[in-house]
Structure formats: structure tokens, C-alpha cells
Amino acid sequence: MLTRLKKLDKVKLVNTIVLGLLSMFFLIPLIWMVSTAFKYESDVFVFPIEWIPRRINVVNNFKEVWFGDIPFYLFYWNSIKIAGSTTVITIFISSMAAFSFSKLRFKGRNLLFFTLISLMIIPEQSTLVPRFLLIRTMGLYNTHGALIFMAMFSIYFTFLMRQFMLSIEDDYIEAAKIDGANYFRIYWQVILPLCKPILATVGIIKFIWTWNDYQNPLIFLLSKELYPITMGMQLFQDDFADSYAVLMMASLSAILPLVIIFIILQKQVIEGISLGGVKG
């Protein structure tokens, strides 16, 4: 028995070392980006690479990004506005739909849910033309409302939340009914507080997807003052093609909110994804 445990410990140690090395390999581009953002342009391609810059130019690079000719702060605010609004609305709509499909009993529920899930096989790109015509007809073209409207409905997150809610015992609902609570109150005061892990998971994933979206702003926005961070980065790339230090500072600024949010809520994300597929 001891021999077997020692063998398992050795295998675990080897796996940990291998995964650690692989992690460092994938982190090298990120480390280089952070290092470059703090350098003078003349030091960017010095060989061997200065992972820790000898000369720090972070203040000038930061000023060029945030207070230069390109309004980076405006793109930042636009991304926060679009991603934040979309995330909140998506959580609300998807959680209500998931509650209906998991806890309410009505005729045709399973058929309707199966039909909804089957729509996930349709590629998003194949609906670009119909969505463009719809958005233009609704008068939302070249507005943030177009991006929010298209992104606030999510079949995938409805499915994920439904799977999580199926693991919640129906006794909570029955007890709330006895106390005289209606279905919305049960959803709002009973079910949602029990769904914090999956709500955090959905919120983070949706925020990241919306923050990183490039295709929809490219097609549905014309005015530069409405551009989110993804389109703003394209402007930086055009104007600072030879200034890698400034580009890396802009890139670092763009991904920093996502990294901070994930670090703070990573436990809830992992727990939500793990529990989301417990019951089907």
C-alpha cells in the first residue's frame, strides 16, 4: 500500500512539474507584453530580452495611451457600458428562462426547451444579414443599443443555469408556496440566492465575451466615438504600428479588468461550471 501511495505521489509530482512548465510557456507572451509596456521603445527588441526593464518609461507610455490623440478613455467607457449592460440583462433574462424550464410545469415544456437548444447549432455568422436588416429597420444601427439588444439573449447561458437549478431541491419552492409567495418572489428571493456560483460564472463569461467582441461593433457601428475597446485597439494599431511599447500598454490596459474580475471570482466560476452539469 505504501509503495502504491509513493508511486502515486511521484506521478502527481511529475504531472505538477509538467503542467507548471506548460503554464510558464503559455504565460511568456503575457509576461513579454507587461515588460514591453514598461519600456522605452529603443529597449523593446534588445537581445537578450530584458524581462525586467533597466529603464522604466511607464508614465510616458501611460500618458500616450490615456491622454494622447486617440480617446482611449472613451473606448474604455463604451466597453464598460456595453459589456456591463449586456451582462446584467443576460443574467436576468437567462435566469428567468432557466427557472421556467427547470421548476415550472407547463404543457410542451420539454419540447420547447429542446427546440431552443437545437438553435445553438446555427452559426452566429449565418445570421449577420438578417440581424443587420432587423437592426436597421428598428432604427438601432450605429448605436450601442444594437449591440446590447443582440447580445442580451443567450441560449447557452439559459441551458447552463437550467442545469444548475435542476440540482436545487423543490422543497424550497414548496415551502415558499405555503408561505404565500408567488412565482416571481420564489425566483427572486429563493432561487437566485442559491444560484450565486452559476450567476458569477455566467456574468464573467458574458462580460469577457462582450468585452472581446470585434465582429458586431465592426458591422453595426460607424461613429468612432461609439467604438468599444476592440475597435479602439485597431485605431492604436494603425497609428502606433511602430511603437510597440505604447501598443503593449494599450493592450495591458484593455485586458486588466478581465484579469482582475477573473482573479476575484475564479472560485465561483469553477464551482458554477462544475455544478452546472450535475443534473440533466
Protein backbone atom coordinates (compact mmCIF):
# COMPACT_ATOMS: atom_id res chain seq x y z
CA MET A 1 0.00 0.00 0.00
CA LEU A 2 2.80 2.42 0.90
CA THR A 3 4.59 1.58 -2.34
CA ARG A 4 1.44 2.38 -4.31
CA LEU A 5 0.99 5.70 -2.48
CA LYS A 6 4.61 6.66 -3.15
CA LYS A 7 4.11 5.82 -6.82
CA LEU A 8 1.01 7.97 -6.97
CA ASP A 9 2.86 10.83 -5.25
CA LYS A 10 5.66 10.60 -7.84
CA VAL A 11 3.17 10.64 -10.70
CA LYS A 12 1.41 13.65 -9.16
CA LEU A 13 4.73 15.44 -8.73
CA VAL A 14 5.73 14.79 -12.35
CA ASN A 15 2.32 15.95 -13.59
CA THR A 16 2.57 19.12 -11.49
CA ILE A 17 6.03 19.92 -12.87
CA VAL A 18 4.95 19.30 -16.48
CA LEU A 19 1.80 21.41 -16.11
CA GLY A 20 3.81 24.15 -14.38
CA LEU A 21 6.28 24.27 -17.29
CA LEU A 22 3.43 24.35 -19.81
CA SER A 23 1.82 27.18 -17.86
CA MET A 24 5.03 29.19 -17.98
CA PHE A 25 5.25 28.54 -21.73
CA PHE A 26 1.76 29.95 -22.29
CA LEU A 27 2.44 32.90 -19.96
CA ILE A 28 5.56 34.03 -21.84
CA PRO A 29 3.63 36.27 -24.32
CA LEU A 30 1.73 37.89 -21.43
CA ILE A 31 4.95 38.47 -19.48
CA TRP A 32 6.59 39.97 -22.57
CA MET A 33 3.59 42.28 -23.07
CA VAL A 34 3.75 43.54 -19.48
CA SER A 35 7.52 44.00 -19.71
CA THR A 36 7.29 45.88 -23.01
CA ALA A 37 4.58 48.21 -21.69
CA PHE A 38 7.10 49.50 -19.12
CA LYS A 39 9.99 50.06 -21.56
CA TYR A 40 11.36 52.75 -23.81
CA GLU A 41 10.85 51.94 -27.48
CA SER A 42 14.60 51.58 -28.03
CA ASP A 43 14.75 48.82 -25.41
CA VAL A 44 11.90 46.67 -26.76
CA PHE A 45 13.97 44.48 -29.09
CA VAL A 46 17.20 44.44 -27.12
CA PHE A 47 18.78 40.98 -27.17
CA PRO A 48 18.89 39.12 -24.87
CA ILE A 49 15.38 40.12 -23.79
CA GLU A 50 15.19 42.33 -20.72
CA TRP A 51 12.31 40.71 -18.87
CA ILE A 52 12.80 43.24 -16.09
CA PRO A 53 13.43 46.62 -17.80
CA ARG A 54 16.54 48.54 -16.73
CA ARG A 55 14.87 51.82 -17.70
CA ILE A 56 11.22 52.42 -16.84
CA ASN A 57 9.06 54.52 -19.16
CA VAL A 58 5.63 53.54 -17.83
CA VAL A 59 4.48 57.11 -17.16
CA ASN A 60 5.05 58.35 -20.71
CA ASN A 61 3.51 55.22 -22.24
CA PHE A 62 0.51 55.54 -19.95
CA LYS A 63 0.02 59.22 -20.85
CA GLU A 64 0.29 58.44 -24.57
CA VAL A 65 -2.42 55.80 -24.29
CA TRP A 66 -4.87 57.54 -21.98
CA PHE A 67 -4.30 61.23 -22.76
CA GLY A 68 -3.00 61.15 -26.33
CA ASP A 69 -4.70 61.97 -29.62
CA ILE A 70 -6.80 58.78 -29.57
CA PRO A 71 -9.52 58.91 -26.85
CA PHE A 72 -8.73 55.58 -25.20
CA TYR A 73 -10.75 56.50 -22.10
CA LEU A 74 -13.85 56.89 -24.32
CA PHE A 75 -13.39 53.42 -25.84
CA TYR A 76 -12.91 52.07 -22.34
CA TRP A 77 -16.15 53.63 -21.11
CA ASN A 78 -18.03 52.36 -24.18
CA SER A 79 -16.85 48.80 -23.49
CA ILE A 80 -17.81 49.04 -19.83
CA LYS A 81 -21.23 50.40 -20.79
CA ILE A 82 -21.92 47.72 -23.42
CA ALA A 83 -20.43 44.75 -21.55
CA GLY A 84 -21.91 45.74 -18.19
CA SER A 85 -25.42 46.36 -19.53
CA THR A 86 -25.40 43.21 -21.64
CA THR A 87 -24.18 41.08 -18.75
CA VAL A 88 -26.82 42.30 -16.28
CA ILE A 89 -29.68 41.92 -18.77
CA THR A 90 -28.46 38.48 -19.92
CA ILE A 91 -28.28 37.19 -16.35
CA PHE A 92 -31.80 38.45 -15.65
CA ILE A 93 -33.39 37.04 -18.83
CA SER A 94 -31.49 33.74 -18.86
CA SER A 95 -32.12 33.07 -15.17
CA MET A 96 -35.86 33.69 -15.58
CA ALA A 97 -35.98 31.34 -18.58
CA ALA A 98 -33.92 28.74 -16.71
CA PHE A 99 -36.26 28.97 -13.73
CA SER A 100 -39.25 28.37 -16.00
CA PHE A 101 -37.66 25.36 -17.73
CA SER A 102 -36.40 23.79 -14.52
CA LYS A 103 -39.04 24.48 -11.85
CA LEU A 104 -42.33 25.30 -13.58
CA ARG A 105 -44.61 22.63 -15.00
CA PHE A 106 -46.42 23.54 -18.23
CA LYS A 107 -47.50 21.71 -21.35
CA GLY A 108 -44.83 21.37 -24.01
CA ARG A 109 -42.02 22.49 -21.69
CA ASN A 110 -39.52 19.81 -22.75
CA LEU A 111 -40.35 20.21 -26.46
CA LEU A 112 -39.91 23.96 -26.22
CA PHE A 113 -36.60 23.58 -24.39
CA PHE A 114 -35.34 21.03 -26.94
CA THR A 115 -36.30 23.39 -29.76
CA LEU A 116 -34.47 26.23 -28.05
CA ILE A 117 -31.34 24.14 -27.54
CA SER A 118 -31.39 22.96 -31.16
CA LEU A 119 -30.97 26.60 -32.26
CA MET A 120 -27.45 26.55 -30.78
CA ILE A 121 -26.21 24.69 -33.89
CA ILE A 122 -26.86 27.78 -36.05
CA PRO A 123 -23.57 29.71 -36.51
CA GLU A 124 -23.72 33.33 -35.47
CA GLN A 125 -22.15 34.41 -38.77
CA SER A 126 -25.07 32.97 -40.76
CA THR A 127 -27.46 35.42 -39.07
CA LEU A 128 -25.46 38.58 -39.75
CA VAL A 129 -27.52 39.74 -42.73
CA PRO A 130 -30.94 39.17 -41.07
CA ARG A 131 -29.71 40.87 -37.91
CA PHE A 132 -28.36 43.80 -39.89
CA LEU A 133 -31.71 44.27 -41.66
CA LEU A 134 -33.60 43.95 -38.36
CA ILE A 135 -31.38 46.42 -36.52
CA ARG A 136 -31.60 48.95 -39.35
CA THR A 137 -35.40 48.58 -39.50
CA MET A 138 -35.63 49.14 -35.73
CA GLY A 139 -33.57 52.33 -36.03
CA LEU A 140 -30.79 50.98 -33.80
CA TYR A 141 -28.00 50.97 -36.39
CA ASN A 142 -24.87 52.80 -35.23
CA THR A 143 -25.96 52.76 -31.59
CA HIS A 144 -24.85 50.84 -28.52
CA GLY A 145 -28.44 49.67 -28.21
CA ALA A 146 -27.94 47.46 -31.26
CA LEU A 147 -25.05 45.58 -29.63
CA ILE A 148 -26.87 45.27 -26.30
CA PHE A 149 -30.11 44.11 -27.91
CA MET A 150 -28.41 41.38 -29.98
CA ALA A 151 -26.31 40.05 -27.11
CA MET A 152 -28.78 40.04 -24.23
CA PHE A 153 -30.46 36.74 -25.23
CA SER A 154 -28.35 33.62 -24.71
CA ILE A 155 -29.46 30.02 -25.25
CA TYR A 156 -26.19 28.69 -23.88
CA PHE A 157 -26.46 30.52 -20.55
CA THR A 158 -30.13 29.57 -20.25
CA PHE A 159 -29.09 25.94 -20.62
CA LEU A 160 -26.23 26.33 -18.12
CA MET A 161 -28.46 27.94 -15.50
CA ARG A 162 -31.23 25.40 -16.03
CA GLN A 163 -28.80 22.56 -15.37
CA PHE A 164 -27.72 24.24 -12.15
CA MET A 165 -31.28 24.94 -10.99
CA LEU A 166 -32.23 21.30 -11.51
CA SER A 167 -29.87 20.46 -8.65
CA ILE A 168 -31.86 22.70 -6.26
CA GLU A 169 -34.41 20.74 -4.26
CA ASP A 170 -38.07 21.50 -4.95
CA ASP A 171 -38.72 21.58 -1.20
CA TYR A 172 -37.59 25.22 -1.14
CA ILE A 173 -40.27 26.13 -3.67
CA GLU A 174 -42.98 24.17 -1.88
CA ALA A 175 -42.13 25.85 1.41
CA ALA A 176 -42.28 29.29 -0.26
CA LYS A 177 -45.66 28.45 -1.79
CA ILE A 178 -47.00 27.51 1.63
CA ASP A 179 -45.89 30.93 2.89
CA GLY A 180 -47.91 32.53 0.10
CA ALA A 181 -45.08 33.53 -2.24
CA ASN A 182 -45.85 33.89 -5.95
CA TYR A 183 -43.56 32.53 -8.66
CA PHE A 184 -41.62 35.77 -9.20
CA ARG A 185 -40.95 36.11 -5.48
CA ILE A 186 -39.80 32.47 -5.37
CA TYR A 187 -37.48 33.16 -8.30
CA TRP A 188 -36.14 36.40 -6.84
CA GLN A 189 -35.86 35.61 -3.13
CA VAL A 190 -35.40 31.82 -3.07
CA ILE A 191 -33.80 30.56 -6.28
CA LEU A 192 -31.42 33.39 -7.20
CA PRO A 193 -29.63 33.48 -3.79
CA LEU A 194 -28.94 29.75 -4.21
CA CYS A 195 -27.52 30.32 -7.70
CA LYS A 196 -24.63 32.66 -6.83
CA PRO A 197 -21.91 30.35 -8.27
CA ILE A 198 -23.60 29.97 -11.65
CA LEU A 199 -24.56 33.66 -11.73
CA ALA A 200 -20.90 34.58 -11.20
CA THR A 201 -19.87 32.13 -13.92
CA VAL A 202 -22.37 33.48 -16.42
CA GLY A 203 -21.53 37.07 -15.52
CA ILE A 204 -17.80 36.67 -16.01
CA ILE A 205 -18.02 34.66 -19.23
CA LYS A 206 -20.62 37.00 -20.74
CA PHE A 207 -18.64 40.09 -19.74
CA ILE A 208 -15.47 38.68 -21.30
CA TRP A 209 -17.23 37.64 -24.50
CA THR A 210 -18.85 41.05 -24.90
CA TRP A 211 -15.68 42.94 -23.96
CA ASN A 212 -13.68 41.00 -26.57
CA ASP A 213 -16.34 41.16 -29.30
CA TYR A 214 -14.94 42.63 -32.51
CA GLN A 215 -17.27 41.40 -35.24
CA ASN A 216 -20.50 43.06 -34.14
CA PRO A 217 -19.03 46.55 -33.43
CA LEU A 218 -17.25 46.37 -36.79
CA ILE A 219 -20.53 45.79 -38.64
CA PHE A 220 -23.07 47.71 -36.56
CA LEU A 221 -21.10 50.82 -35.55
CA LEU A 222 -19.87 53.63 -37.80
CA SER A 223 -19.04 56.53 -35.47
CA LYS A 224 -15.62 56.35 -33.84
CA GLU A 225 -16.93 57.92 -30.64
CA LEU A 226 -19.10 54.80 -30.19
CA TYR A 227 -16.25 52.34 -30.63
CA PRO A 228 -15.56 49.83 -27.82
CA ILE A 229 -12.06 48.86 -26.77
CA THR A 230 -11.65 46.23 -29.51
CA MET A 231 -12.20 48.78 -32.26
CA GLY A 232 -10.15 51.34 -30.37
CA MET A 233 -7.21 48.94 -30.32
CA GLN A 234 -7.43 48.76 -34.11
CA LEU A 235 -7.03 52.54 -34.27
CA PHE A 236 -4.00 52.28 -31.98
CA GLN A 237 -2.50 49.63 -34.23
CA ASP A 238 -2.94 51.89 -37.26
CA ASP A 239 -1.43 54.99 -35.60
CA PHE A 240 1.29 53.31 -33.49
CA ALA A 241 2.30 50.44 -35.75
CA ASP A 242 6.00 51.03 -34.97
CA SER A 243 5.59 51.87 -31.30
CA TYR A 244 5.35 48.51 -29.57
CA ALA A 245 5.72 49.94 -26.08
CA VAL A 246 2.61 52.11 -26.49
CA LEU A 247 0.69 49.24 -28.14
CA MET A 248 1.53 46.89 -25.29
CA MET A 249 0.49 49.49 -22.71
CA ALA A 250 -2.86 49.83 -24.52
CA SER A 251 -3.20 46.03 -24.65
CA LEU A 252 -2.36 45.72 -20.96
CA SER A 253 -4.95 48.36 -20.11
CA ALA A 254 -7.53 46.53 -22.23
CA ILE A 255 -7.14 43.13 -20.56
CA LEU A 256 -6.54 44.32 -16.99
CA PRO A 257 -10.25 44.50 -15.98
CA LEU A 258 -10.82 40.95 -17.24
CA VAL A 259 -7.85 39.60 -15.30
CA ILE A 260 -8.91 41.36 -12.09
CA ILE A 261 -12.52 40.15 -12.36
CA PHE A 262 -11.47 36.57 -13.01
CA ILE A 263 -8.94 36.52 -10.16
CA ILE A 264 -11.57 37.80 -7.71
CA LEU A 265 -14.34 35.43 -8.84
CA GLN A 266 -12.41 32.41 -10.15
CA LYS A 267 -13.64 30.18 -7.31
CA GLN A 268 -17.28 30.87 -8.16
CA VAL A 269 -16.58 30.32 -11.87
CA ILE A 270 -15.03 26.90 -11.34
CA GLU A 271 -17.78 25.89 -8.92
CA GLY A 272 -20.50 27.08 -11.25
CA ILE A 273 -19.15 25.22 -14.27
CA SER A 274 -18.64 22.06 -12.20
CA LEU A 275 -22.15 22.10 -10.75
CA GLY A 276 -23.82 23.29 -13.92
CA GLY A 277 -23.66 19.83 -15.45
CA VAL A 278 -24.56 17.77 -12.38
CA LYS A 279 -28.14 17.03 -13.44
CA GLY A 280 -29.74 16.86 -16.86
